């Protein structure tokens, strides 16, 4: 008789040095995502004849802004009482706790610094980053899978995961994989669009890129949140959980930008 679920017992540590120090899969996958994104974007910058110095500044800003924003986002959106009572514990990042919406806000703010003394517009820098961010997001979600975190509610589907390391005994939706695949699809659509436009020596539409990105990342996140386990206790009493509420402004902005791009008739 074939099993109709997957027992997930993968350990989060990739390399263990001591009982208190180890290299986790999450960190490795995070780094791989950023490196691949950087090299892919480097090729796009060269094709568009954009300065690589701008890419280096944007990359550094995205790392700093993303990590700081993700940490503050988790502390303020999901556990404000705990961290406002003990602000110093915000610095204890080794305890875990990052929120992707906070990371997105952190990157948006960090790019304001990048373009402040640049001749390139904020939209240009953001749109170029959004061409590759979905790939990095895919690797981050795979890191969440290796950590056995942010999974879904019980399910009867044959690909359900029993997250044994978390003490689970019932198959749950592997929502990390669902989100990761959605991000990978978004990345593929954006890369195909960029390749097609650049091959024809046509200008990339910032509005189109940002619109597809925001819809592909945050609208799918909004939908997948419907089958996720609550991350914090107060979400159990909410009609829409925190992840959904934070996603709404992003994907509404995405629909507006996509509509704007279609009106500009820059998509061929």
Protein backbone atom coordinates (compact mmCIF):
# COMPACT_ATOMS: atom_id res chain seq x y z
CA UNK A 1 0.00 0.00 0.00
CA UNK A 2 1.42 3.37 -1.07
CA UNK A 3 1.70 6.24 1.40
CA UNK A 4 -0.43 9.26 0.62
CA UNK A 5 1.79 11.76 2.41
CA UNK A 6 5.45 12.65 2.87
CA UNK A 7 7.17 12.44 6.25
CA UNK A 8 9.55 15.42 6.41
CA UNK A 9 12.41 14.82 8.80
CA UNK A 10 15.15 16.89 7.15
CA UNK A 11 17.28 18.70 9.73
CA UNK A 12 17.72 22.49 9.30
CA UNK A 13 21.48 22.30 9.90
CA UNK A 14 23.60 21.62 6.82
CA UNK A 15 26.97 21.63 8.60
CA UNK A 16 27.29 21.19 12.36
CA UNK A 17 30.51 22.42 13.99
CA UNK A 18 29.49 22.35 17.66
CA UNK A 19 26.29 22.01 19.65
CA UNK A 20 25.88 25.78 19.63
CA UNK A 21 27.19 26.60 16.15
CA UNK A 22 26.07 25.28 12.78
CA UNK A 23 25.47 26.45 9.23
CA UNK A 24 21.80 26.16 8.34
CA UNK A 25 20.26 25.34 4.98
CA UNK A 26 18.26 28.56 5.26
CA UNK A 27 21.41 30.67 5.24
CA UNK A 28 22.95 28.70 2.38
CA UNK A 29 19.81 28.98 0.24
CA UNK A 30 19.46 32.67 1.11
CA UNK A 31 23.01 33.30 -0.12
CA UNK A 32 22.52 31.23 -3.29
CA UNK A 33 19.37 33.17 -4.11
CA UNK A 34 21.11 36.53 -3.74
CA UNK A 35 24.20 35.47 -5.72
CA UNK A 36 22.22 34.05 -8.64
CA UNK A 37 19.99 37.13 -8.68
CA UNK A 38 23.04 39.39 -8.73
CA UNK A 39 24.71 37.64 -11.67
CA UNK A 40 21.49 37.51 -13.70
CA UNK A 41 20.82 41.19 -13.08
CA UNK A 42 24.41 41.99 -13.99
CA UNK A 43 23.76 40.61 -17.49
CA UNK A 44 20.63 42.72 -17.83
CA UNK A 45 22.51 45.84 -16.71
CA UNK A 46 25.19 45.19 -19.33
CA UNK A 47 22.59 44.72 -22.07
CA UNK A 48 20.85 47.95 -21.10
CA UNK A 49 24.19 49.73 -20.69
CA UNK A 50 23.41 50.64 -17.10
CA UNK A 51 26.38 51.25 -14.75
CA UNK A 52 27.41 48.27 -12.66
CA UNK A 53 28.15 50.66 -9.79
CA UNK A 54 24.39 51.24 -9.58
CA UNK A 55 23.84 47.47 -9.38
CA UNK A 56 26.37 47.13 -6.57
CA UNK A 57 24.72 49.91 -4.57
CA UNK A 58 21.26 48.46 -5.16
CA UNK A 59 22.42 44.97 -4.13
CA UNK A 60 23.98 46.22 -0.89
CA UNK A 61 20.88 48.30 -0.15
CA UNK A 62 18.57 45.34 -0.78
CA UNK A 63 20.55 43.11 1.58
CA UNK A 64 20.68 45.64 4.41
CA UNK A 65 17.17 47.01 3.87
CA UNK A 66 15.72 43.55 3.36
CA UNK A 67 17.18 41.99 6.49
CA UNK A 68 16.53 45.00 8.75
CA UNK A 69 13.03 45.45 7.35
CA UNK A 70 12.19 41.75 7.62
CA UNK A 71 13.30 41.66 11.26
CA UNK A 72 11.46 44.83 12.25
CA UNK A 73 8.43 43.68 10.27
CA UNK A 74 8.19 40.47 12.26
CA UNK A 75 8.69 42.26 15.58
CA UNK A 76 6.16 45.01 14.90
CA UNK A 77 3.55 43.17 12.83
CA UNK A 78 3.45 39.80 14.58
CA UNK A 79 4.81 40.22 18.13
CA UNK A 80 4.69 43.94 18.96
CA UNK A 81 3.91 43.50 22.67
CA UNK A 82 6.91 41.25 23.27
CA UNK A 83 9.44 43.40 21.42
CA UNK A 84 8.16 46.77 22.57
CA UNK A 85 8.45 45.47 26.13
CA UNK A 86 12.00 44.28 25.47
CA UNK A 87 13.39 46.29 22.49
CA UNK A 88 16.89 44.88 22.89
CA UNK A 89 15.62 41.42 21.90
CA UNK A 90 14.95 42.79 18.40
CA UNK A 91 18.69 42.33 17.85
CA UNK A 92 18.50 38.60 18.68
CA UNK A 93 18.10 37.55 15.06
CA UNK A 94 19.54 34.10 15.80
CA UNK A 95 16.28 33.32 17.57
CA UNK A 96 14.48 33.59 14.23
CA UNK A 97 11.62 35.81 13.15
CA UNK A 98 11.62 37.51 9.73
CA UNK A 99 8.61 38.88 7.85
CA UNK A 100 8.72 39.14 4.06
CA UNK A 101 6.39 42.15 3.99
CA UNK A 102 8.75 44.01 6.29
CA UNK A 103 11.63 43.00 4.04
CA UNK A 104 9.79 44.42 1.02
CA UNK A 105 9.19 47.72 2.83
CA UNK A 106 12.84 47.80 3.91
CA UNK A 107 14.04 47.38 0.33
CA UNK A 108 11.64 50.04 -0.95
CA UNK A 109 13.06 52.51 1.57
CA UNK A 110 16.67 51.49 0.99
CA UNK A 111 16.38 52.15 -2.74
CA UNK A 112 15.43 55.75 -1.96
CA UNK A 113 18.98 56.16 -0.71
CA UNK A 114 20.42 54.52 -3.83
CA UNK A 115 18.70 56.87 -6.29
CA UNK A 116 19.13 60.01 -4.22
CA UNK A 117 22.32 61.03 -6.06
CA UNK A 118 21.72 58.99 -9.19
CA UNK A 119 20.49 60.18 -12.58
CA UNK A 120 18.28 57.09 -12.79
CA UNK A 121 14.71 57.09 -11.56
CA UNK A 122 13.44 55.18 -8.55
CA UNK A 123 11.11 53.18 -10.83
CA UNK A 124 14.02 52.12 -13.04
CA UNK A 125 16.05 50.77 -10.13
CA UNK A 126 13.05 49.07 -8.52
CA UNK A 127 11.89 47.46 -11.77
CA UNK A 128 15.34 46.03 -12.50
CA UNK A 129 15.54 44.57 -9.00
CA UNK A 130 12.07 43.07 -9.36
CA UNK A 131 13.23 41.13 -12.42
CA UNK A 132 15.28 38.85 -10.15
CA UNK A 133 13.87 39.20 -6.63
CA UNK A 134 11.31 36.39 -7.24
CA UNK A 135 14.22 33.98 -7.77
CA UNK A 136 15.76 34.96 -4.43
CA UNK A 137 12.31 34.65 -2.83
CA UNK A 138 12.02 31.10 -4.19
CA UNK A 139 15.26 30.06 -2.47
CA UNK A 140 14.16 31.74 0.77
CA UNK A 141 10.92 29.73 0.75
CA UNK A 142 12.94 26.55 0.22
CA UNK A 143 14.92 27.62 3.27
CA UNK A 144 11.64 27.85 5.18
CA UNK A 145 10.89 24.30 4.06
CA UNK A 146 14.25 23.10 5.38
CA UNK A 147 13.41 24.81 8.68
CA UNK A 148 9.97 23.12 8.75
CA UNK A 149 8.27 26.49 9.27
CA UNK A 150 5.28 28.51 7.97
CA UNK A 151 3.45 25.44 6.70
CA UNK A 152 -0.25 24.96 6.07
CA UNK A 153 -3.31 23.41 7.64
CA UNK A 154 -4.06 19.66 7.67
CA UNK A 155 -4.79 18.16 4.25
CA UNK A 156 -5.65 14.89 2.52
CA UNK A 157 -3.75 15.65 -0.69
CA UNK A 158 -1.13 12.98 -1.54
CA UNK A 159 1.69 15.53 -1.39
CA UNK A 160 0.91 16.59 2.17
CA UNK A 161 3.94 16.85 4.47
CA UNK A 162 4.11 15.53 8.02
CA UNK A 163 6.57 17.96 9.65
CA UNK A 164 7.87 15.45 12.18
CA UNK A 165 10.59 17.76 13.50
CA UNK A 166 7.87 20.11 14.73
CA UNK A 167 5.99 17.32 16.47
CA UNK A 168 3.29 17.17 13.80
CA UNK A 169 1.49 13.87 13.17
CA UNK A 170 -0.97 14.98 10.47
CA UNK A 171 -0.13 15.81 6.84
CA UNK A 172 -0.08 19.56 6.25
CA UNK A 173 -0.08 21.67 3.10
CA UNK A 174 3.58 22.41 2.16
CA UNK A 175 2.77 26.07 1.59
CA UNK A 176 6.48 26.90 1.36
CA UNK A 177 6.55 24.90 -1.90
CA UNK A 178 3.34 26.50 -3.16
CA UNK A 179 4.74 29.98 -2.62
CA UNK A 180 8.14 29.02 -3.99
CA UNK A 181 6.61 27.72 -7.23
CA UNK A 182 4.47 30.86 -7.58
CA UNK A 183 7.60 32.99 -7.19
CA UNK A 184 9.47 30.85 -9.70
CA UNK A 185 6.63 31.28 -12.21
CA UNK A 186 6.70 35.05 -11.66
CA UNK A 187 10.44 35.03 -12.23
CA UNK A 188 10.01 33.08 -15.47
CA UNK A 189 7.37 35.48 -16.81
CA UNK A 190 9.51 38.52 -16.03
CA UNK A 191 12.66 36.99 -17.50
CA UNK A 192 10.85 36.04 -20.69
CA UNK A 193 9.47 39.57 -21.01
CA UNK A 194 12.89 41.16 -20.43
CA UNK A 195 14.59 38.76 -22.87
CA UNK A 196 11.96 39.42 -25.55
CA UNK A 197 12.15 43.20 -25.19
CA UNK A 198 15.94 43.42 -25.06
CA UNK A 199 16.34 41.03 -27.98
CA UNK A 200 14.12 43.34 -30.04
CA UNK A 201 16.07 46.33 -28.67
CA UNK A 202 12.95 47.75 -27.09
CA UNK A 203 12.67 49.63 -23.83
CA UNK A 204 11.53 47.77 -20.73
CA UNK A 205 8.33 49.03 -19.14
CA UNK A 206 8.91 49.76 -15.47
CA UNK A 207 5.17 49.74 -14.80
CA UNK A 208 4.69 46.33 -16.41
CA UNK A 209 7.60 44.75 -14.52
CA UNK A 210 6.52 46.16 -11.16
CA UNK A 211 2.88 45.26 -11.80
CA UNK A 212 3.62 41.62 -12.66
CA UNK A 213 5.99 41.36 -9.70
CA UNK A 214 3.54 42.74 -7.13
CA UNK A 215 0.68 40.60 -8.39
CA UNK A 216 2.79 37.45 -8.77
CA UNK A 217 4.32 37.74 -5.32
CA UNK A 218 1.63 39.29 -3.14
CA UNK A 219 -1.63 38.17 -4.74
CA UNK A 220 -0.49 34.54 -4.66
CA UNK A 221 0.69 35.11 -1.08
CA UNK A 222 -2.78 36.44 -0.22
CA UNK A 223 -4.42 33.30 -1.66
CA UNK A 224 -2.00 30.80 -0.11
CA UNK A 225 -2.43 32.41 3.32
CA UNK A 226 -5.96 30.93 3.27
CA UNK A 227 -4.49 27.47 3.93
CA UNK A 228 -1.67 28.46 6.28
CA UNK A 229 -1.52 27.77 9.98
CA UNK A 230 -1.74 31.02 12.03
CA UNK A 231 1.74 32.31 12.84
CA UNK A 232 0.65 34.04 16.05
CA UNK A 233 -2.25 33.49 18.42
CA UNK A 234 -4.14 36.73 17.69
CA UNK A 235 -4.56 35.70 14.02
CA UNK A 236 -7.01 32.95 15.02
CA UNK A 237 -9.70 35.57 15.66
CA UNK A 238 -9.12 37.55 12.44
CA UNK A 239 -11.18 37.28 9.25
CA UNK A 240 -8.02 37.98 7.24
CA UNK A 241 -4.68 37.14 8.83
CA UNK A 242 -1.77 39.55 9.10
CA UNK A 243 -0.06 38.21 5.97
CA UNK A 244 -3.20 38.82 3.92
CA UNK A 245 -3.79 42.31 5.31
CA UNK A 246 -0.21 43.31 4.56
CA UNK A 247 -0.42 41.85 1.03
CA UNK A 248 -3.50 43.84 -0.05
CA UNK A 249 -1.80 47.25 -0.61
CA UNK A 250 1.00 45.58 -2.59
CA UNK A 251 -1.12 43.63 -5.05
CA UNK A 252 -3.64 46.47 -5.49
CA UNK A 253 -0.70 48.67 -6.44
CA UNK A 254 0.37 45.88 -8.81
CA UNK A 255 -3.00 45.83 -10.60
CA UNK A 256 -2.85 49.62 -10.95
CA UNK A 257 0.67 49.50 -12.41
CA UNK A 258 -0.29 46.75 -14.84
CA UNK A 259 -3.31 48.78 -15.95
CA UNK A 260 -1.04 51.82 -16.34
CA UNK A 261 1.43 49.81 -18.43
CA UNK A 262 -1.32 48.62 -20.75
CA UNK A 263 -2.52 52.18 -21.20
CA UNK A 264 0.98 53.35 -22.01
CA UNK A 265 1.02 50.72 -24.80
CA UNK A 266 4.63 49.81 -24.10
CA UNK A 267 3.98 46.09 -24.05
CA UNK A 268 4.41 44.35 -27.39
